[in-house]
N, C-alpha and C. Protein backbone atom coordinates (compact mmCIF):
# COMPACT_ATOMS: atom_id res chain seq x y z
N UNK A 1 -7.13 -45.80 63.70
CA UNK A 1 -6.69 -45.46 62.41
C UNK A 1 -5.27 -44.86 62.52
N UNK A 2 -4.46 -45.15 61.57
CA UNK A 2 -3.09 -44.63 61.54
C UNK A 2 -3.03 -43.54 60.44
N UNK A 3 -2.42 -42.42 60.81
CA UNK A 3 -2.21 -41.34 59.83
C UNK A 3 -1.13 -41.81 58.87
N UNK A 4 -1.53 -42.04 57.60
CA UNK A 4 -0.61 -42.63 56.61
C UNK A 4 0.64 -41.78 56.44
N UNK A 5 0.49 -40.46 56.29
CA UNK A 5 1.65 -39.60 55.98
C UNK A 5 2.61 -39.56 57.15
N UNK A 6 2.09 -39.40 58.34
CA UNK A 6 2.94 -39.34 59.52
C UNK A 6 3.66 -40.67 59.73
N UNK A 7 2.96 -41.81 59.49
CA UNK A 7 3.57 -43.09 59.67
C UNK A 7 4.68 -43.28 58.60
N UNK A 8 4.43 -42.84 57.42
CA UNK A 8 5.43 -42.93 56.34
C UNK A 8 6.71 -42.14 56.68
N UNK A 9 6.52 -40.91 57.19
CA UNK A 9 7.66 -40.07 57.57
C UNK A 9 8.40 -40.72 58.73
N UNK A 10 7.67 -41.20 59.70
CA UNK A 10 8.29 -41.85 60.85
C UNK A 10 9.07 -43.10 60.40
N UNK A 11 8.56 -43.85 59.50
CA UNK A 11 9.24 -45.05 58.97
C UNK A 11 10.53 -44.64 58.26
N UNK A 12 10.43 -43.61 57.44
CA UNK A 12 11.62 -43.11 56.71
C UNK A 12 12.70 -42.60 57.66
N UNK A 13 12.30 -41.85 58.67
CA UNK A 13 13.29 -41.32 59.64
C UNK A 13 13.91 -42.44 60.43
N UNK A 14 13.14 -43.45 60.80
CA UNK A 14 13.68 -44.60 61.54
C UNK A 14 14.70 -45.33 60.69
N UNK A 15 14.37 -45.57 59.44
CA UNK A 15 15.32 -46.21 58.55
C UNK A 15 16.60 -45.41 58.37
N UNK A 16 16.45 -44.09 58.25
CA UNK A 16 17.60 -43.22 58.11
C UNK A 16 18.50 -43.27 59.34
N UNK A 17 17.90 -43.25 60.50
CA UNK A 17 18.69 -43.33 61.76
C UNK A 17 19.43 -44.69 61.84
N UNK A 18 18.76 -45.74 61.49
CA UNK A 18 19.41 -47.07 61.52
C UNK A 18 20.55 -47.13 60.50
N UNK A 19 20.37 -46.50 59.34
CA UNK A 19 21.41 -46.46 58.31
C UNK A 19 22.65 -45.68 58.82
N UNK A 20 22.43 -44.60 59.47
CA UNK A 20 23.55 -43.82 60.02
C UNK A 20 24.30 -44.60 61.08
N UNK A 21 23.54 -45.23 61.99
CA UNK A 21 24.16 -46.06 63.05
C UNK A 21 24.97 -47.20 62.42
N UNK A 22 24.36 -47.92 61.46
CA UNK A 22 25.04 -49.02 60.82
C UNK A 22 26.33 -48.55 60.10
N UNK A 23 26.25 -47.41 59.40
CA UNK A 23 27.40 -46.90 58.70
C UNK A 23 28.52 -46.52 59.67
N UNK A 24 28.15 -45.97 60.77
CA UNK A 24 29.22 -45.61 61.80
C UNK A 24 29.85 -46.90 62.32
N UNK A 25 29.06 -47.95 62.59
CA UNK A 25 29.60 -49.17 63.07
C UNK A 25 30.53 -49.82 61.99
N UNK A 26 30.12 -49.76 60.75
CA UNK A 26 30.97 -50.34 59.69
C UNK A 26 32.27 -49.54 59.61
N UNK A 27 32.24 -48.24 59.76
CA UNK A 27 33.47 -47.43 59.73
C UNK A 27 34.36 -47.72 60.89
N UNK A 28 33.78 -47.90 62.07
CA UNK A 28 34.59 -48.14 63.26
C UNK A 28 35.06 -49.55 63.43
N UNK A 29 34.19 -50.53 63.05
CA UNK A 29 34.47 -51.97 63.28
C UNK A 29 34.20 -52.81 62.02
N UNK A 30 34.93 -52.51 60.94
CA UNK A 30 34.62 -53.20 59.67
C UNK A 30 34.64 -54.71 59.75
N UNK A 31 35.64 -55.27 60.39
CA UNK A 31 35.77 -56.73 60.49
C UNK A 31 34.60 -57.38 61.22
N UNK A 32 34.28 -56.83 62.36
CA UNK A 32 33.21 -57.39 63.16
C UNK A 32 31.83 -57.24 62.51
N UNK A 33 31.63 -56.13 61.83
CA UNK A 33 30.34 -55.93 61.13
C UNK A 33 30.29 -56.86 59.92
N UNK A 34 31.36 -57.14 59.28
CA UNK A 34 31.40 -58.09 58.16
C UNK A 34 31.03 -59.48 58.68
N UNK A 35 31.60 -59.86 59.82
CA UNK A 35 31.24 -61.16 60.40
C UNK A 35 29.77 -61.22 60.75
N UNK A 36 29.24 -60.18 61.37
CA UNK A 36 27.86 -60.15 61.76
C UNK A 36 26.95 -60.27 60.51
N UNK A 37 27.33 -59.58 59.46
CA UNK A 37 26.52 -59.62 58.24
C UNK A 37 26.54 -61.02 57.67
N UNK A 38 27.74 -61.64 57.69
CA UNK A 38 27.84 -63.03 57.22
C UNK A 38 26.89 -63.93 57.94
N UNK A 39 26.78 -63.80 59.25
CA UNK A 39 25.86 -64.62 60.03
C UNK A 39 24.41 -64.27 59.72
N UNK A 40 24.14 -63.01 59.53
CA UNK A 40 22.72 -62.56 59.32
C UNK A 40 22.18 -63.05 58.00
N UNK A 41 22.99 -63.10 56.95
CA UNK A 41 22.48 -63.45 55.63
C UNK A 41 22.84 -64.89 55.23
N UNK A 42 23.52 -65.60 56.10
CA UNK A 42 23.84 -67.03 55.88
C UNK A 42 24.70 -67.24 54.63
N UNK A 43 25.60 -66.29 54.38
CA UNK A 43 26.52 -66.42 53.24
C UNK A 43 27.91 -65.97 53.73
N UNK A 44 28.92 -66.70 53.32
CA UNK A 44 30.30 -66.33 53.72
C UNK A 44 30.77 -65.23 52.79
N UNK A 45 30.77 -64.02 53.31
CA UNK A 45 31.28 -62.87 52.52
C UNK A 45 32.56 -62.31 53.16
N UNK A 46 33.19 -63.11 54.02
CA UNK A 46 34.36 -62.59 54.70
C UNK A 46 35.54 -62.32 53.79
N UNK A 47 35.57 -62.84 52.59
CA UNK A 47 36.62 -62.58 51.64
C UNK A 47 36.42 -61.23 50.91
N UNK A 48 35.22 -60.73 51.08
CA UNK A 48 34.91 -59.42 50.47
C UNK A 48 35.24 -58.31 51.47
N UNK A 49 35.06 -57.11 51.07
CA UNK A 49 35.34 -56.01 51.95
C UNK A 49 34.22 -54.95 51.81
N UNK A 50 34.25 -53.97 52.71
CA UNK A 50 33.28 -52.92 52.67
C UNK A 50 33.75 -51.81 51.73
N UNK A 51 32.84 -51.17 51.07
CA UNK A 51 33.13 -49.96 50.34
C UNK A 51 32.23 -48.89 50.92
N UNK A 52 32.87 -48.02 51.73
CA UNK A 52 32.11 -47.01 52.43
C UNK A 52 32.63 -45.62 51.98
N UNK A 53 31.82 -44.98 51.12
CA UNK A 53 32.22 -43.63 50.64
C UNK A 53 31.06 -42.70 51.03
N UNK A 54 31.37 -41.37 50.96
CA UNK A 54 30.33 -40.41 51.29
C UNK A 54 29.16 -40.49 50.30
N UNK A 55 29.50 -40.67 49.01
CA UNK A 55 28.40 -40.73 48.03
C UNK A 55 27.56 -41.99 48.24
N UNK A 56 28.23 -43.11 48.53
CA UNK A 56 27.50 -44.34 48.83
C UNK A 56 26.63 -44.20 50.08
N UNK A 57 27.19 -43.54 51.06
CA UNK A 57 26.43 -43.34 52.29
C UNK A 57 25.18 -42.55 52.03
N UNK A 58 25.29 -41.42 51.26
CA UNK A 58 24.14 -40.57 50.97
C UNK A 58 23.13 -41.25 50.08
N UNK A 59 23.58 -41.97 49.08
CA UNK A 59 22.67 -42.67 48.19
C UNK A 59 21.89 -43.75 49.00
N UNK A 60 22.61 -44.53 49.83
CA UNK A 60 21.99 -45.53 50.64
C UNK A 60 21.00 -44.90 51.62
N UNK A 61 21.36 -43.82 52.24
CA UNK A 61 20.53 -43.10 53.22
C UNK A 61 19.22 -42.69 52.57
N UNK A 62 19.32 -41.99 51.42
CA UNK A 62 18.15 -41.50 50.73
C UNK A 62 17.30 -42.70 50.22
N UNK A 63 17.96 -43.66 49.64
CA UNK A 63 17.25 -44.84 49.13
C UNK A 63 16.46 -45.59 50.19
N UNK A 64 17.10 -45.87 51.32
CA UNK A 64 16.45 -46.60 52.40
C UNK A 64 15.33 -45.74 53.04
N UNK A 65 15.53 -44.44 53.13
CA UNK A 65 14.47 -43.63 53.70
C UNK A 65 13.23 -43.60 52.80
N UNK A 66 13.47 -43.49 51.47
CA UNK A 66 12.31 -43.49 50.57
C UNK A 66 11.60 -44.84 50.58
N UNK A 67 12.42 -45.90 50.54
CA UNK A 67 11.80 -47.27 50.53
C UNK A 67 11.01 -47.52 51.83
N UNK A 68 11.58 -47.10 52.95
CA UNK A 68 10.85 -47.30 54.21
C UNK A 68 9.65 -46.43 54.32
N UNK A 69 9.73 -45.24 53.76
CA UNK A 69 8.55 -44.34 53.77
C UNK A 69 7.39 -44.92 52.94
N UNK A 70 7.71 -45.44 51.76
CA UNK A 70 6.71 -46.06 50.89
C UNK A 70 6.13 -47.32 51.57
N UNK A 71 7.00 -48.14 52.15
CA UNK A 71 6.51 -49.34 52.89
C UNK A 71 5.66 -48.93 54.07
N UNK A 72 6.03 -47.88 54.78
CA UNK A 72 5.24 -47.43 55.91
C UNK A 72 3.88 -46.91 55.47
N UNK A 73 3.82 -46.19 54.41
CA UNK A 73 2.55 -45.67 53.88
C UNK A 73 1.64 -46.86 53.47
N UNK A 74 2.24 -47.80 52.80
CA UNK A 74 1.44 -48.98 52.40
C UNK A 74 0.95 -49.76 53.59
N UNK A 75 1.83 -49.92 54.58
CA UNK A 75 1.44 -50.60 55.82
C UNK A 75 0.25 -49.92 56.51
N UNK A 76 0.31 -48.56 56.56
CA UNK A 76 -0.77 -47.81 57.19
C UNK A 76 -2.07 -47.95 56.41
N UNK A 77 -1.98 -47.92 55.10
CA UNK A 77 -3.22 -48.09 54.29
C UNK A 77 -3.83 -49.48 54.51
N UNK A 78 -2.99 -50.50 54.45
CA UNK A 78 -3.51 -51.86 54.69
C UNK A 78 -4.08 -52.00 56.07
N UNK A 79 -3.40 -51.48 57.09
CA UNK A 79 -3.86 -51.59 58.45
C UNK A 79 -5.23 -50.84 58.60
N UNK A 80 -5.29 -49.64 58.06
CA UNK A 80 -6.54 -48.85 58.15
C UNK A 80 -7.68 -49.56 57.46
N UNK A 81 -7.39 -50.22 56.35
CA UNK A 81 -8.44 -50.99 55.64
C UNK A 81 -8.91 -52.16 56.50
N UNK A 82 -7.99 -52.81 57.14
CA UNK A 82 -8.33 -53.96 57.99
C UNK A 82 -9.13 -53.52 59.24
N UNK A 83 -8.75 -52.42 59.83
CA UNK A 83 -9.49 -51.91 60.98
C UNK A 83 -10.85 -51.42 60.54
N UNK A 84 -10.94 -50.76 59.42
CA UNK A 84 -12.21 -50.27 58.92
C UNK A 84 -13.19 -51.40 58.60
N UNK A 85 -12.68 -52.53 58.14
CA UNK A 85 -13.57 -53.64 57.79
C UNK A 85 -14.09 -54.35 59.08
N UNK A 86 -13.38 -54.20 60.18
CA UNK A 86 -13.84 -54.79 61.44
C UNK A 86 -15.04 -54.00 62.02
N UNK A 87 -15.04 -52.68 61.73
CA UNK A 87 -16.13 -51.85 62.26
C UNK A 87 -17.46 -52.06 61.54
N UNK A 88 -17.42 -52.66 60.38
CA UNK A 88 -18.65 -52.88 59.58
C UNK A 88 -19.46 -54.08 60.12
């Protein structure tokens, strides 16, 4: 069994850490990160540019942490249900 709350918090913290790392990489290497994103999403966005502001950073950080926390909680509930049904 997975502790739903702890897994949700761990998921949110993991997403937050990845957001911080990604934002640092975008700030340091905007061109290369734009190229990598272009390859990852299969769309040519090289004519566009990054908009990296403190408010955007914080909104994205909080948003991704909440989204990952909710997804983590849901994943733990589904997993626990599946494991519980095997014991029957």
